[in-house]
Amino acid sequence: MKTSVNEEKFRMDPNIMDPKFVVRPKDTTTRCGETAKFKVKVTGTGPVDVFWFRFGTDDEIVNDEKYQL
């Protein structure tokens, strides 16, 4: 009995870079009502999306009247 397997060939592009942090966010402490600022820089090939979440939750922080991203 003979079987055949379909093979797909992928060409790796050496110019494609995985996303990585160049500047990582640092922990900060503020008083209630004060502004907290975080700096982050990410590089990679193509558009890179960064998402922010409330500590210990799956609640995504979005740009609104309370948060400026």
PDB file of N, CA and C in Angstrom:
ATOM      1  N   MET A   1       0.843  -1.159   0.000  1.00  0.00           N
ATOM      2  CA  MET A   1       0.000   0.000   0.000  1.00  0.00           C
ATOM      3  C   MET A   1       0.897   1.234   0.000  1.00  0.00           C
ATOM      4  N   LYS A   2       0.532   2.199  -0.795  1.00  0.00           N
ATOM      5  CA  LYS A   2       1.308   3.422  -0.917  1.00  0.00           C
ATOM      6  C   LYS A   2       0.422   4.614  -0.562  1.00  0.00           C
ATOM      7  N   THR A   3       0.940   5.548   0.216  1.00  0.00           N
ATOM      8  CA  THR A   3       0.187   6.764   0.532  1.00  0.00           C
ATOM      9  C   THR A   3       1.014   7.972   0.130  1.00  0.00           C
ATOM     10  N   SER A   4       0.352   9.047  -0.072  1.00  0.00           N
ATOM     11  CA  SER A   4       1.074  10.279  -0.387  1.00  0.00           C
ATOM     12  C   SER A   4       0.663  11.359   0.601  1.00  0.00           C
ATOM     13  N   VAL A   5       1.590  12.218   0.888  1.00  0.00           N
ATOM     14  CA  VAL A   5       1.352  13.312   1.821  1.00  0.00           C
ATOM     15  C   VAL A   5       1.544  14.618   1.062  1.00  0.00           C
ATOM     16  N   ASN A   6       0.586  15.501   1.200  1.00  0.00           N
ATOM     17  CA  ASN A   6       0.724  16.824   0.583  1.00  0.00           C
ATOM     18  C   ASN A   6       1.688  17.648   1.416  1.00  0.00           C
ATOM     19  N   GLU A   7       2.693  18.163   0.786  1.00  0.00           N
ATOM     20  CA  GLU A   7       3.670  18.997   1.477  1.00  0.00           C
ATOM     21  C   GLU A   7       3.519  20.436   1.026  1.00  0.00           C
ATOM     22  N   GLU A   8       3.505  21.331   1.996  1.00  0.00           N
ATOM     23  CA  GLU A   8       3.506  22.755   1.690  1.00  0.00           C
ATOM     24  C   GLU A   8       4.866  23.301   2.069  1.00  0.00           C
ATOM     25  N   LYS A   9       5.421  24.084   1.196  1.00  0.00           N
ATOM     26  CA  LYS A   9       6.728  24.674   1.468  1.00  0.00           C
ATOM     27  C   LYS A   9       6.540  26.141   1.808  1.00  0.00           C
ATOM     28  N   PHE A  10       7.191  26.558   2.867  1.00  0.00           N
ATOM     29  CA  PHE A  10       7.131  27.943   3.293  1.00  0.00           C
ATOM     30  C   PHE A  10       8.521  28.551   3.185  1.00  0.00           C
ATOM     31  N   ARG A  11       8.564  29.734   2.649  1.00  0.00           N
ATOM     32  CA  ARG A  11       9.832  30.441   2.560  1.00  0.00           C
ATOM     33  C   ARG A  11       9.936  31.389   3.746  1.00  0.00           C
ATOM     34  N   MET A  12      10.995  31.273   4.480  1.00  0.00           N
ATOM     35  CA  MET A  12      11.213  32.165   5.612  1.00  0.00           C
ATOM     36  C   MET A  12      11.839  33.457   5.104  1.00  0.00           C
ATOM     37  N   ASP A  13      11.268  34.561   5.521  1.00  0.00           N
ATOM     38  CA  ASP A  13      11.789  35.866   5.130  1.00  0.00           C
ATOM     39  C   ASP A  13      12.668  36.394   6.265  1.00  0.00           C
ATOM     40  N   PRO A  14      13.964  36.531   6.037  1.00  0.00           N
ATOM     41  CA  PRO A  14      14.853  36.993   7.110  1.00  0.00           C
ATOM     42  C   PRO A  14      14.599  38.440   7.521  1.00  0.00           C
ATOM     43  N   ASN A  15      13.807  39.174   6.740  1.00  0.00           N
ATOM     44  CA  ASN A  15      13.519  40.573   7.067  1.00  0.00           C
ATOM     45  C   ASN A  15      12.343  40.724   8.026  1.00  0.00           C
ATOM     46  N   ILE A  16      11.627  39.632   8.306  1.00  0.00           N
ATOM     47  CA  ILE A  16      10.488  39.689   9.214  1.00  0.00           C
ATOM     48  C   ILE A  16      10.996  39.555  10.644  1.00  0.00           C
ATOM     49  N   MET A  17      10.633  40.531  11.478  1.00  0.00           N
ATOM     50  CA  MET A  17      11.069  40.527  12.876  1.00  0.00           C
ATOM     51  C   MET A  17       9.866  40.343  13.791  1.00  0.00           C
ATOM     52  N   ASP A  18       9.985  39.432  14.770  1.00  0.00           N
ATOM     53  CA  ASP A  18       8.947  39.274  15.780  1.00  0.00           C
ATOM     54  C   ASP A  18       8.875  40.543  16.617  1.00  0.00           C
ATOM     55  N   PRO A  19       7.683  40.866  17.144  1.00  0.00           N
ATOM     56  CA  PRO A  19       7.585  42.034  18.022  1.00  0.00           C
ATOM     57  C   PRO A  19       8.418  41.836  19.280  1.00  0.00           C
ATOM     58  N   LYS A  20       9.047  42.910  19.740  1.00  0.00           N
ATOM     59  CA  LYS A  20       9.784  42.847  21.002  1.00  0.00           C
ATOM     60  C   LYS A  20       9.816  44.228  21.637  1.00  0.00           C
ATOM     61  N   PHE A  21       9.912  44.231  22.962  1.00  0.00           N
ATOM     62  CA  PHE A  21      10.000  45.484  23.701  1.00  0.00           C
ATOM     63  C   PHE A  21      11.400  46.057  23.573  1.00  0.00           C
ATOM     64  N   VAL A  22      11.481  47.328  23.195  1.00  0.00           N
ATOM     65  CA  VAL A  22      12.732  48.078  23.222  1.00  0.00           C
ATOM     66  C   VAL A  22      12.785  48.825  24.559  1.00  0.00           C
ATOM     67  N   VAL A  23      11.652  49.388  24.954  1.00  0.00           N
ATOM     68  CA  VAL A  23      11.492  50.021  26.264  1.00  0.00           C
ATOM     69  C   VAL A  23      10.303  49.354  26.939  1.00  0.00           C
ATOM     70  N   ARG A  24      10.551  48.691  28.070  1.00  0.00           N
ATOM     71  CA  ARG A  24       9.483  48.013  28.814  1.00  0.00           C
ATOM     72  C   ARG A  24       8.840  48.982  29.810  1.00  0.00           C
ATOM     73  N   PRO A  25       7.523  48.810  30.054  1.00  0.00           N
ATOM     74  CA  PRO A  25       6.893  49.662  31.064  1.00  0.00           C
ATOM     75  C   PRO A  25       7.463  49.358  32.451  1.00  0.00           C
ATOM     76  N   LYS A  26       7.573  50.387  33.278  1.00  0.00           N
ATOM     77  CA  LYS A  26       8.098  50.229  34.638  1.00  0.00           C
ATOM     78  C   LYS A  26       6.962  50.392  35.643  1.00  0.00           C
ATOM     79  N   ASP A  27       7.081  49.701  36.773  1.00  0.00           N
ATOM     80  CA  ASP A  27       6.114  49.871  37.853  1.00  0.00           C
ATOM     81  C   ASP A  27       6.145  51.318  38.325  1.00  0.00           C
ATOM     82  N   THR A  28       4.978  51.824  38.689  1.00  0.00           N
ATOM     83  CA  THR A  28       4.900  53.180  39.218  1.00  0.00           C
ATOM     84  C   THR A  28       3.843  53.229  40.313  1.00  0.00           C
ATOM     85  N   THR A  29       4.010  54.161  41.226  1.00  0.00           N
ATOM     86  CA  THR A  29       3.042  54.352  42.300  1.00  0.00           C
ATOM     87  C   THR A  29       2.599  55.804  42.286  1.00  0.00           C
ATOM     88  N   THR A  30       1.292  56.017  42.371  1.00  0.00           N
ATOM     89  CA  THR A  30       0.752  57.376  42.448  1.00  0.00           C
ATOM     90  C   THR A  30      -0.303  57.419  43.546  1.00  0.00           C
ATOM     91  N   ARG A  31      -0.652  58.605  43.942  1.00  0.00           N
ATOM     92  CA  ARG A  31      -1.747  58.785  44.894  1.00  0.00           C
ATOM     93  C   ARG A  31      -3.064  58.775  44.135  1.00  0.00           C
ATOM     94  N   CYS A  32      -4.109  58.464  44.822  1.00  0.00           N
ATOM     95  CA  CYS A  32      -5.441  58.422  44.221  1.00  0.00           C
ATOM     96  C   CYS A  32      -5.739  59.763  43.549  1.00  0.00           C
ATOM     97  N   GLY A  33      -6.149  59.720  42.296  1.00  0.00           N
ATOM     98  CA  GLY A  33      -6.481  60.923  41.540  1.00  0.00           C
ATOM     99  C   GLY A  33      -5.328  61.509  40.750  1.00  0.00           C
ATOM    100  N   GLU A  34      -4.092  61.073  41.024  1.00  0.00           N
ATOM    101  CA  GLU A  34      -2.941  61.554  40.265  1.00  0.00           C
ATOM    102  C   GLU A  34      -2.812  60.788  38.952  1.00  0.00           C
ATOM    103  N   THR A  35      -2.057  61.371  38.028  1.00  0.00           N
ATOM    104  CA  THR A  35      -1.825  60.748  36.729  1.00  0.00           C
ATOM    105  C   THR A  35      -0.632  59.805  36.804  1.00  0.00           C
ATOM    106  N   ALA A  36      -0.804  58.622  36.244  1.00  0.00           N
ATOM    107  CA  ALA A  36       0.309  57.669  36.114  1.00  0.00           C
ATOM    108  C   ALA A  36       0.652  57.580  34.636  1.00  0.00           C
ATOM    109  N   LYS A  37       1.930  57.679  34.313  1.00  0.00           N
ATOM    110  CA  LYS A  37       2.366  57.587  32.918  1.00  0.00           C
ATOM    111  C   LYS A  37       3.297  56.398  32.761  1.00  0.00           C
ATOM    112  N   PHE A  38       3.109  55.676  31.667  1.00  0.00           N
ATOM    113  CA  PHE A  38       3.953  54.534  31.345  1.00  0.00           C
ATOM    114  C   PHE A  38       4.512  54.728  29.951  1.00  0.00           C
ATOM    115  N   LYS A  39       5.796  54.482  29.797  1.00  0.00           N
ATOM    116  CA  LYS A  39       6.449  54.576  28.494  1.00  0.00           C
ATOM    117  C   LYS A  39       6.750  53.175  28.012  1.00  0.00           C
ATOM    118  N   VAL A  40       6.450  52.935  26.742  1.00  0.00           N
ATOM    119  CA  VAL A  40       6.749  51.636  26.157  1.00  0.00           C
ATOM    120  C   VAL A  40       7.118  51.852  24.698  1.00  0.00           C
ATOM    121  N   LYS A  41       8.057  51.059  24.218  1.00  0.00           N
ATOM    122  CA  LYS A  41       8.421  51.105  22.804  1.00  0.00           C
ATOM    123  C   LYS A  41       8.558  49.666  22.331  1.00  0.00           C
ATOM    124  N   VAL A  42       7.879  49.360  21.231  1.00  0.00           N
ATOM    125  CA  VAL A  42       7.876  48.007  20.677  1.00  0.00           C
ATOM    126  C   VAL A  42       8.285  48.088  19.218  1.00  0.00           C
ATOM    127  N   THR A  43       9.123  47.160  18.789  1.00  0.00           N
ATOM    128  CA  THR A  43       9.498  47.092  17.380  1.00  0.00           C
ATOM    129  C   THR A  43       9.090  45.741  16.818  1.00  0.00           C
ATOM    130  N   GLY A  44       9.030  45.683  15.519  1.00  0.00           N
ATOM    131  CA  GLY A  44       8.693  44.450  14.820  1.00  0.00           C
ATOM    132  C   GLY A  44       8.316  44.789  13.397  1.00  0.00           C
ATOM    133  N   THR A  45       8.133  43.780  12.590  1.00  0.00           N
ATOM    134  CA  THR A  45       7.754  43.990  11.201  1.00  0.00           C
ATOM    135  C   THR A  45       6.241  44.156  11.118  1.00  0.00           C
ATOM    136  N   GLY A  46       5.825  45.162  10.375  1.00  0.00           N
ATOM    137  CA  GLY A  46       4.393  45.410  10.222  1.00  0.00           C
ATOM    138  C   GLY A  46       3.844  46.140  11.428  1.00  0.00           C
ATOM    139  N   PRO A  47       2.539  46.362  11.426  1.00  0.00           N
ATOM    140  CA  PRO A  47       1.947  47.035  12.581  1.00  0.00           C
ATOM    141  C   PRO A  47       2.041  46.148  13.823  1.00  0.00           C
ATOM    142  N   VAL A  48       2.394  46.751  14.939  1.00  0.00           N
ATOM    143  CA  VAL A  48       2.484  46.029  16.210  1.00  0.00           C
ATOM    144  C   VAL A  48       1.444  46.630  17.144  1.00  0.00           C
ATOM    145  N   ASP A  49       0.561  45.804  17.675  1.00  0.00           N
ATOM    146  CA  ASP A  49      -0.476  46.261  18.594  1.00  0.00           C
ATOM    147  C   ASP A  49      -0.050  46.001  20.030  1.00  0.00           C
ATOM    148  N   VAL A  50      -0.280  46.978  20.901  1.00  0.00           N
ATOM    149  CA  VAL A  50      -0.003  46.841  22.331  1.00  0.00           C
ATOM    150  C   VAL A  50      -1.333  46.981  23.057  1.00  0.00           C
ATOM    151  N   PHE A  51      -1.608  46.054  23.959  1.00  0.00           N
ATOM    152  CA  PHE A  51      -2.843  46.069  24.727  1.00  0.00           C
ATOM    153  C   PHE A  51      -2.504  46.232  26.205  1.00  0.00           C
ATOM    154  N   TRP A  52      -3.322  47.007  26.917  1.00  0.00           N
ATOM    155  CA  TRP A  52      -3.136  47.241  28.351  1.00  0.00           C
ATOM    156  C   TRP A  52      -4.311  46.624  29.094  1.00  0.00           C
ATOM    157  N   PHE A  53      -4.001  45.970  30.227  1.00  0.00           N
ATOM    158  CA  PHE A  53      -5.031  45.332  31.037  1.00  0.00           C
ATOM    159  C   PHE A  53      -4.887  45.768  32.484  1.00  0.00           C
ATOM    160  N   ARG A  54      -6.027  45.824  33.185  1.00  0.00           N
ATOM    161  CA  ARG A  54      -5.985  46.104  34.622  1.00  0.00           C
ATOM    162  C   ARG A  54      -5.300  44.942  35.308  1.00  0.00           C
ATOM    163  N   PHE A  55      -4.453  45.244  36.272  1.00  0.00           N
ATOM    164  CA  PHE A  55      -3.650  44.237  36.962  1.00  0.00           C
ATOM    165  C   PHE A  55      -4.518  43.092  37.484  1.00  0.00           C
ATOM    166  N   GLY A  56      -4.133  41.877  37.111  1.00  0.00           N
ATOM    167  CA  GLY A  56      -4.798  40.685  37.620  1.00  0.00           C
ATOM    168  C   GLY A  56      -6.152  40.388  37.018  1.00  0.00           C
ATOM    169  N   THR A  57      -6.517  41.072  35.925  1.00  0.00           N
ATOM    170  CA  THR A  57      -7.826  40.835  35.308  1.00  0.00           C
ATOM    171  C   THR A  57      -7.672  40.694  33.799  1.00  0.00           C
ATOM    172  N   ASP A  58      -8.784  40.352  33.162  1.00  0.00           N
ATOM    173  CA  ASP A  58      -8.845  40.320  31.699  1.00  0.00           C
ATOM    174  C   ASP A  58      -9.483  41.593  31.155  1.00  0.00           C
ATOM    175  N   ASP A  59      -9.670  42.603  32.024  1.00  0.00           N
ATOM    176  CA  ASP A  59     -10.300  43.858  31.617  1.00  0.00           C
ATOM    177  C   ASP A  59      -9.304  44.714  30.855  1.00  0.00           C
ATOM    178  N   GLU A  60      -9.565  44.883  29.552  1.00  0.00           N
ATOM    179  CA  GLU A  60      -8.670  45.694  28.730  1.00  0.00           C
ATOM    180  C   GLU A  60      -8.911  47.174  29.002  1.00  0.00           C
ATOM    181  N   ILE A  61      -7.842  47.932  29.110  1.00  0.00           N
ATOM    182  CA  ILE A  61      -7.926  49.381  29.267  1.00  0.00           C
ATOM    183  C   ILE A  61      -7.972  49.986  27.870  1.00  0.00           C
ATOM    184  N   VAL A  62      -8.988  50.796  27.624  1.00  0.00           N
ATOM    185  CA  VAL A  62      -9.157  51.401  26.298  1.00  0.00           C
ATOM    186  C   VAL A  62      -9.089  52.921  26.416  1.00  0.00           C
ATOM    187  N   ASN A  63      -8.835  53.564  25.301  1.00  0.00           N
ATOM    188  CA  ASN A  63      -8.760  55.020  25.241  1.00  0.00           C
ATOM    189  C   ASN A  63     -10.164  55.594  25.461  1.00  0.00           C
ATOM    190  N   ASP A  64     -10.349  56.331  26.548  1.00  0.00           N
ATOM    191  CA  ASP A  64     -11.638  56.958  26.829  1.00  0.00           C
ATOM    192  C   ASP A  64     -11.411  58.199  27.689  1.00  0.00           C
ATOM    193  N   GLU A  65     -12.469  58.701  28.343  1.00  0.00           N
ATOM    194  CA  GLU A  65     -12.314  59.924  29.135  1.00  0.00           C
ATOM    195  C   GLU A  65     -11.443  59.713  30.377  1.00  0.00           C
ATOM    196  N   LYS A  66     -11.311  58.465  30.825  1.00  0.00           N
ATOM    197  CA  LYS A  66     -10.494  58.176  32.006  1.00  0.00           C
ATOM    198  C   LYS A  66      -9.048  57.837  31.644  1.00  0.00           C
ATOM    199  N   TYR A  67      -8.858  57.151  30.520  1.00  0.00           N
ATOM    200  CA  TYR A  67      -7.523  56.691  30.116  1.00  0.00           C
ATOM    201  C   TYR A  67      -7.147  57.275  28.764  1.00  0.00           C
ATOM    202  N   GLN A  68      -5.922  57.756  28.652  1.00  0.00           N
ATOM    203  CA  GLN A  68      -5.399  58.236  27.373  1.00  0.00           C
ATOM    204  C   GLN A  68      -4.270  57.312  26.964  1.00  0.00           C
ATOM    205  N   LEU A  69      -4.455  56.629  25.855  1.00  0.00           N
ATOM    206  CA  LEU A  69      -3.449  55.683  25.374  1.00  0.00           C
ATOM    207  C   LEU A  69      -2.773  56.227  24.135  1.00  0.00           C
TER     208      LEU A  69
END
